[in-house]
Every structure is written in structure tokens, then in C-alpha cells.
Amino acid sequence: MPTKRTMQQAKGNRGQRTTDNGGRGFDSLEANLTGQRGRPTQPYGRIRNLPIGLSERVRAASINSLNQILADTIMVRELYKKNHWQVTGPTFYALHLLFDKHYNEQVVLADTLAERVQILGGVSVAAPHDVVQLTKVERPPRDAEEVPVQLSRLLEAHEIILETAHQAVRRATDDGDDGTADLLIGQVIRTHEMQVWFVGAHLSDVPLLHAEQPTEMVGERMAPRGRGRVEA
């Protein structure tokens, strides 16, 4: 059992430079490297002057738009994963797989948006608490919700992003920021529009087992075919 003296010596030796049998120096593996804090390498909102042929004003406008879309994209991404875990009901299997597929597509979008912010010389929003402060997407409850509510939340969030993206495209195009406009049109808008189509199709009120009777117009009224005419 180690004595009090040997324990104190071991404690005092932590972090000291020692040598192995070959005489080569190395830092003790017990060196405490945690708890360090320092100045930021780049404050949020400050723009690095990168030589990419765009003025600081143009880059600042695009960075603000992209960070807004990024925050909303991260929220949508997490909504998809939340719904993937919590969905229930007759459409469980189909939606369980669809939500996970869309989640993975949103992961790619978030990464692409963040990289574009960095390319423009900005700092991309990243931490969850910062995302919650910036996003326009409504925060969902911790509870599991019904499928129609899950789908409605997703569609509303997609629309928020699409509206912001369309505005950002027009601004970037006018400013000559072709890279940002191309990203928003080719990846953000097209991905969100596709996902809206797939999610929205599940909210169609169609019969599952029995088809509705065909109808025909009689004057300004609808009548089932094969059941006689209805007097106008």
C-alpha cells in the first residue's frame, strides 16, 4: 500500500517531463489538460477578410441569411429524429424510415450551410442553445405527439426555411454571390421542396380500405353515379 509520502511525490511529479529507457523525453500521461479556457480565435459576428472576390458587405449579408437557415435546418433535423423515435400508429414503419431518411439529408444540408458560412469568412452557429435562440421554428414539446401533428410541424418548418431561402437567393443574386445562390437553389430549396412533397402526401385524407363512390355533377349538386339523378 503506498505511503502518504509516495502519494505526495507522485502528485508532484504529474505533468513533469520524464525520460524513457532510450533517453527520449516525453510528457507525463497524467498531465492535466482539461479546464482550459482562452480568447476566441474569431468572435461570432466578426468576418475574416478572405480573398474570394466578394466585398465584406456582401459576405456579411449572406452569412446572416445562411446562419438563419442553418439554425432552422438544425431544428428541422432534430424534429425528424424526434419523430423517428416517437412515431406510432398504422403508418409507423413507413414514417419511421422516411423520417430517418430526411434526417440524414438534413445532416448533409446543415454541414454544407455551415461550411459556406466559414468559406465567406464568418462563424457558423453550432451549439444547441444558440440554435434555439436564433431559429424561427416553433419548439416542440418533450411529449410524443400524434402523427398529424408531427407532419404539420415539419411542413411548417420546411416552409419557414423555404421562404427565407428564396429571399436569400434574390439578395445573393443581386449582390453577385453566385456560390451562395447556387447552394441555396441547388441543395437547400430542392431538398426541402422534395421533403415537403413526401411529408405532405401523408396528410391526404384518402380512404384506406373502401373507395369512395364516384360522383357526377347534377346542376350544382354532386350525386353518386348509378343511384339515379337528383333533381336540381
Protein backbone atom coordinates (compact mmCIF):
# COMPACT_ATOMS: atom_id res chain seq x y z
CA MET A 1 0.00 0.00 0.00
CA PRO A 2 1.53 3.37 -0.94
CA THR A 3 2.50 5.66 1.90
CA LYS A 4 1.37 9.25 2.24
CA ARG A 5 4.83 10.43 1.19
CA THR A 6 4.91 8.38 -2.02
CA MET A 7 1.42 9.60 -2.93
CA GLN A 8 2.53 13.22 -2.49
CA GLN A 9 5.62 12.59 -4.62
CA ALA A 10 3.50 11.04 -7.36
CA LYS A 11 1.15 14.00 -7.26
CA GLY A 12 4.04 16.43 -7.50
CA ASN A 13 5.50 14.60 -10.48
CA ARG A 14 2.36 14.88 -12.62
CA GLY A 15 2.93 16.87 -15.73
CA GLN A 16 6.69 16.81 -15.38
CA ARG A 17 8.90 15.83 -18.27
CA THR A 18 10.41 12.37 -17.85
CA THR A 19 12.60 10.10 -19.97
CA ASP A 20 12.19 6.51 -21.08
CA ASN A 21 14.95 3.94 -21.32
CA GLY A 22 16.12 5.39 -24.64
CA GLY A 23 16.71 8.78 -23.12
CA ARG A 24 13.93 10.42 -25.14
CA GLY A 25 11.82 12.95 -23.32
CA PHE A 26 8.04 12.80 -23.15
CA ASP A 27 5.28 14.50 -21.20
CA SER A 28 3.64 12.55 -18.42
CA LEU A 29 0.39 10.95 -19.49
CA GLU A 30 -1.10 12.21 -16.25
CA ALA A 31 -0.71 15.85 -17.25
CA ASN A 32 -3.99 17.66 -16.70
CA LEU A 33 -5.08 19.25 -19.98
CA THR A 34 -8.73 19.86 -19.08
CA GLY A 35 -10.35 23.01 -17.79
CA GLN A 36 -8.57 25.29 -20.21
CA ARG A 37 -10.25 28.47 -21.45
CA GLY A 38 -8.96 31.28 -23.63
CA ARG A 39 -9.76 34.01 -26.08
CA PRO A 40 -11.92 33.12 -29.10
CA THR A 41 -10.00 32.62 -32.31
CA GLN A 42 -12.78 34.55 -34.06
CA PRO A 43 -15.72 36.23 -32.32
CA TYR A 44 -19.19 35.39 -33.63
CA GLY A 45 -20.33 38.14 -35.99
CA ARG A 46 -16.78 39.14 -36.93
CA ILE A 47 -15.78 38.44 -40.56
CA ARG A 48 -12.39 37.26 -41.74
CA ASN A 49 -11.08 39.01 -44.84
CA LEU A 50 -10.74 36.11 -47.27
CA PRO A 51 -9.80 36.83 -50.92
CA ILE A 52 -12.86 35.31 -52.62
CA GLY A 53 -13.86 38.28 -54.76
CA LEU A 54 -16.77 39.48 -52.60
CA SER A 55 -16.98 42.63 -50.51
CA GLU A 56 -17.40 42.43 -46.75
CA ARG A 57 -20.90 43.88 -47.06
CA VAL A 58 -21.98 41.13 -49.45
CA ARG A 59 -20.40 38.41 -47.36
CA ALA A 60 -21.97 39.75 -44.17
CA ALA A 61 -25.45 39.70 -45.72
CA SER A 62 -25.01 36.13 -46.97
CA ILE A 63 -23.56 34.97 -43.65
CA ASN A 64 -26.57 36.32 -41.75
CA SER A 65 -29.01 34.60 -44.11
CA LEU A 66 -27.08 31.33 -44.08
CA ASN A 67 -26.81 31.24 -40.29
CA GLN A 68 -30.55 31.79 -40.01
CA ILE A 69 -31.23 28.96 -42.45
CA LEU A 70 -28.64 26.82 -40.67
CA ALA A 71 -30.31 27.30 -37.28
CA ASP A 72 -33.71 26.43 -38.74
CA THR A 73 -32.21 23.45 -40.58
CA ILE A 74 -30.72 22.09 -37.36
CA MET A 75 -34.15 22.38 -35.74
CA VAL A 76 -35.81 20.54 -38.62
CA ARG A 77 -33.09 17.91 -38.49
CA GLU A 78 -33.79 17.28 -34.81
CA LEU A 79 -37.56 17.29 -35.39
CA TYR A 80 -37.09 14.46 -37.86
CA LYS A 81 -35.03 12.43 -35.38
CA LYS A 82 -37.53 13.11 -32.57
CA ASN A 83 -40.39 11.96 -34.78
CA HIS A 84 -38.35 8.97 -35.98
CA TRP A 85 -38.08 7.76 -32.40
CA GLN A 86 -41.60 8.62 -31.24
CA VAL A 87 -43.90 7.94 -34.21
CA THR A 88 -46.67 5.38 -33.63
CA GLY A 89 -49.75 4.11 -35.43
CA PRO A 90 -50.64 2.19 -38.62
CA THR A 91 -48.08 4.16 -40.67
CA PHE A 92 -45.27 3.60 -38.16
CA TYR A 93 -42.94 1.62 -40.41
CA ALA A 94 -43.20 3.88 -43.45
CA LEU A 95 -42.81 7.10 -41.45
CA HIS A 96 -40.11 5.64 -39.20
CA LEU A 97 -37.98 5.04 -42.29
CA LEU A 98 -38.97 8.28 -44.04
CA PHE A 99 -38.16 10.44 -41.02
CA ASP A 100 -34.72 8.86 -40.72
CA LYS A 101 -34.02 9.35 -44.43
CA HIS A 102 -34.99 13.02 -44.23
CA TYR A 103 -32.93 13.42 -41.06
CA ASN A 104 -29.81 12.20 -42.85
CA GLU A 105 -30.47 14.58 -45.75
CA GLN A 106 -30.79 17.47 -43.29
CA VAL A 107 -27.47 16.45 -41.71
CA VAL A 108 -25.82 16.96 -45.09
CA LEU A 109 -27.56 20.31 -45.59
CA ALA A 110 -26.51 21.61 -42.18
CA ASP A 111 -22.90 20.68 -42.84
CA THR A 112 -22.96 22.33 -46.27
CA LEU A 113 -24.51 25.53 -44.91
CA ALA A 114 -22.00 25.73 -42.06
CA GLU A 115 -19.10 25.27 -44.46
CA ARG A 116 -20.42 28.04 -46.70
CA VAL A 117 -20.54 30.41 -43.72
CA GLN A 118 -16.91 29.59 -42.96
CA ILE A 119 -15.92 30.00 -46.62
CA LEU A 120 -17.38 33.50 -46.56
CA GLY A 121 -15.24 34.31 -43.52
CA GLY A 122 -17.94 34.03 -40.89
CA VAL A 123 -18.57 31.86 -37.84
CA SER A 124 -21.34 29.30 -38.22
CA VAL A 125 -23.93 28.88 -35.49
CA ALA A 126 -23.49 25.47 -33.90
CA ALA A 127 -24.34 24.99 -30.22
CA PRO A 128 -27.92 23.91 -29.38
CA HIS A 129 -28.62 26.84 -27.06
CA ASP A 130 -27.55 29.30 -29.78
CA VAL A 131 -29.69 27.49 -32.34
CA VAL A 132 -32.75 27.74 -30.07
CA GLN A 133 -32.24 31.50 -29.68
CA LEU A 134 -31.87 32.09 -33.41
CA THR A 135 -34.35 29.70 -35.00
CA LYS A 136 -37.79 30.71 -36.25
CA VAL A 137 -39.08 27.14 -35.99
CA GLU A 138 -41.50 26.52 -33.13
CA ARG A 139 -40.00 24.50 -30.30
CA PRO A 140 -41.82 21.15 -29.92
CA PRO A 141 -42.78 19.69 -26.53
CA ARG A 142 -40.90 16.80 -24.97
CA ASP A 143 -44.07 14.72 -25.32
CA ALA A 144 -44.72 12.28 -28.11
CA GLU A 145 -47.35 13.69 -30.47
CA GLU A 146 -49.88 12.32 -32.91
CA VAL A 147 -48.76 11.70 -36.48
CA PRO A 148 -50.81 14.57 -38.00
CA VAL A 149 -49.20 16.97 -35.52
CA GLN A 150 -45.72 15.66 -36.29
CA LEU A 151 -46.30 16.10 -40.00
CA SER A 152 -47.80 19.56 -39.58
CA ARG A 153 -44.83 20.75 -37.55
CA LEU A 154 -42.44 19.50 -40.21
CA LEU A 155 -44.33 21.15 -43.05
CA GLU A 156 -44.47 24.47 -41.21
CA ALA A 157 -40.74 24.31 -40.51
CA HIS A 158 -39.95 23.49 -44.14
CA GLU A 159 -41.98 26.48 -45.30
CA ILE A 160 -40.13 28.80 -42.91
CA ILE A 161 -36.81 27.69 -44.38
CA LEU A 162 -38.01 27.88 -47.97
CA GLU A 163 -39.33 31.43 -47.53
CA THR A 164 -36.01 32.54 -46.02
CA ALA A 165 -34.04 30.70 -48.71
CA HIS A 166 -35.98 32.34 -51.57
CA GLN A 167 -35.33 35.78 -50.09
CA ALA A 168 -31.66 34.95 -49.58
CA VAL A 169 -31.32 33.75 -53.19
CA ARG A 170 -32.66 37.03 -54.54
CA ARG A 171 -30.31 39.02 -52.32
CA ALA A 172 -27.28 36.88 -53.14
CA THR A 173 -28.04 37.04 -56.86
CA ASP A 174 -28.34 40.82 -56.78
CA ASP A 175 -25.06 41.02 -54.82
CA GLY A 176 -23.20 38.68 -57.17
CA ASP A 177 -22.70 35.98 -54.53
CA ASP A 178 -23.15 33.14 -57.01
CA GLY A 179 -21.80 30.46 -54.70
CA THR A 180 -24.42 31.14 -52.03
CA ALA A 181 -27.22 31.42 -54.58
CA ASP A 182 -26.16 28.14 -56.20
CA LEU A 183 -26.07 26.34 -52.84
CA LEU A 184 -29.49 27.62 -51.83
CA ILE A 185 -31.15 26.76 -55.13
CA GLY A 186 -29.39 23.51 -55.93
CA GLN A 187 -29.37 21.96 -52.48
CA VAL A 188 -31.44 23.77 -49.85
CA ILE A 189 -34.55 24.65 -51.84
CA ARG A 190 -34.66 21.45 -53.88
CA THR A 191 -34.14 19.23 -50.82
CA HIS A 192 -36.81 20.99 -48.78
CA GLU A 193 -39.31 21.01 -51.64
CA MET A 194 -38.80 17.28 -52.15
CA GLN A 195 -39.26 16.59 -48.46
CA VAL A 196 -42.41 18.71 -48.36
CA TRP A 197 -43.83 16.56 -51.15
CA PHE A 198 -43.10 13.31 -49.31
CA VAL A 199 -44.33 14.54 -45.93
CA GLY A 200 -47.38 16.32 -47.33
CA ALA A 201 -48.53 13.20 -49.16
CA HIS A 202 -49.11 11.52 -45.80
CA LEU A 203 -51.64 14.19 -44.81
CA SER A 204 -54.00 13.38 -47.70
CA ASP A 205 -57.43 12.36 -46.41
CA VAL A 206 -57.94 9.27 -48.57
CA PRO A 207 -59.79 6.01 -47.73
CA LEU A 208 -57.64 3.08 -46.68
CA LEU A 209 -59.90 0.10 -47.44
CA HIS A 210 -63.04 1.17 -49.30
CA ALA A 211 -63.02 3.53 -52.26
CA GLU A 212 -65.50 6.38 -52.26
CA GLN A 213 -68.33 6.16 -54.78
CA PRO A 214 -67.67 8.14 -57.98
CA THR A 215 -69.83 11.24 -58.31
CA GLU A 216 -71.13 13.33 -61.17
CA MET A 217 -72.33 16.89 -61.38
CA VAL A 218 -76.11 17.42 -61.47
CA GLY A 219 -76.77 21.10 -61.81
CA GLU A 220 -74.68 22.49 -58.95
CA ARG A 221 -75.02 19.36 -56.81
CA MET A 222 -72.98 16.16 -56.66
CA ALA A 223 -74.74 12.81 -56.95
CA PRO A 224 -73.32 9.27 -56.75
CA ARG A 225 -73.26 7.55 -60.12
CA GLY A 226 -75.64 4.67 -60.60
CA ARG A 227 -78.11 5.91 -57.99
CA GLY A 228 -80.36 7.91 -60.27
CA ARG A 229 -80.45 11.57 -61.00
CA VAL A 230 -81.05 14.23 -58.41
CA GLU A 231 -83.47 16.93 -59.23
CA ALA A 232 -81.78 20.31 -59.49
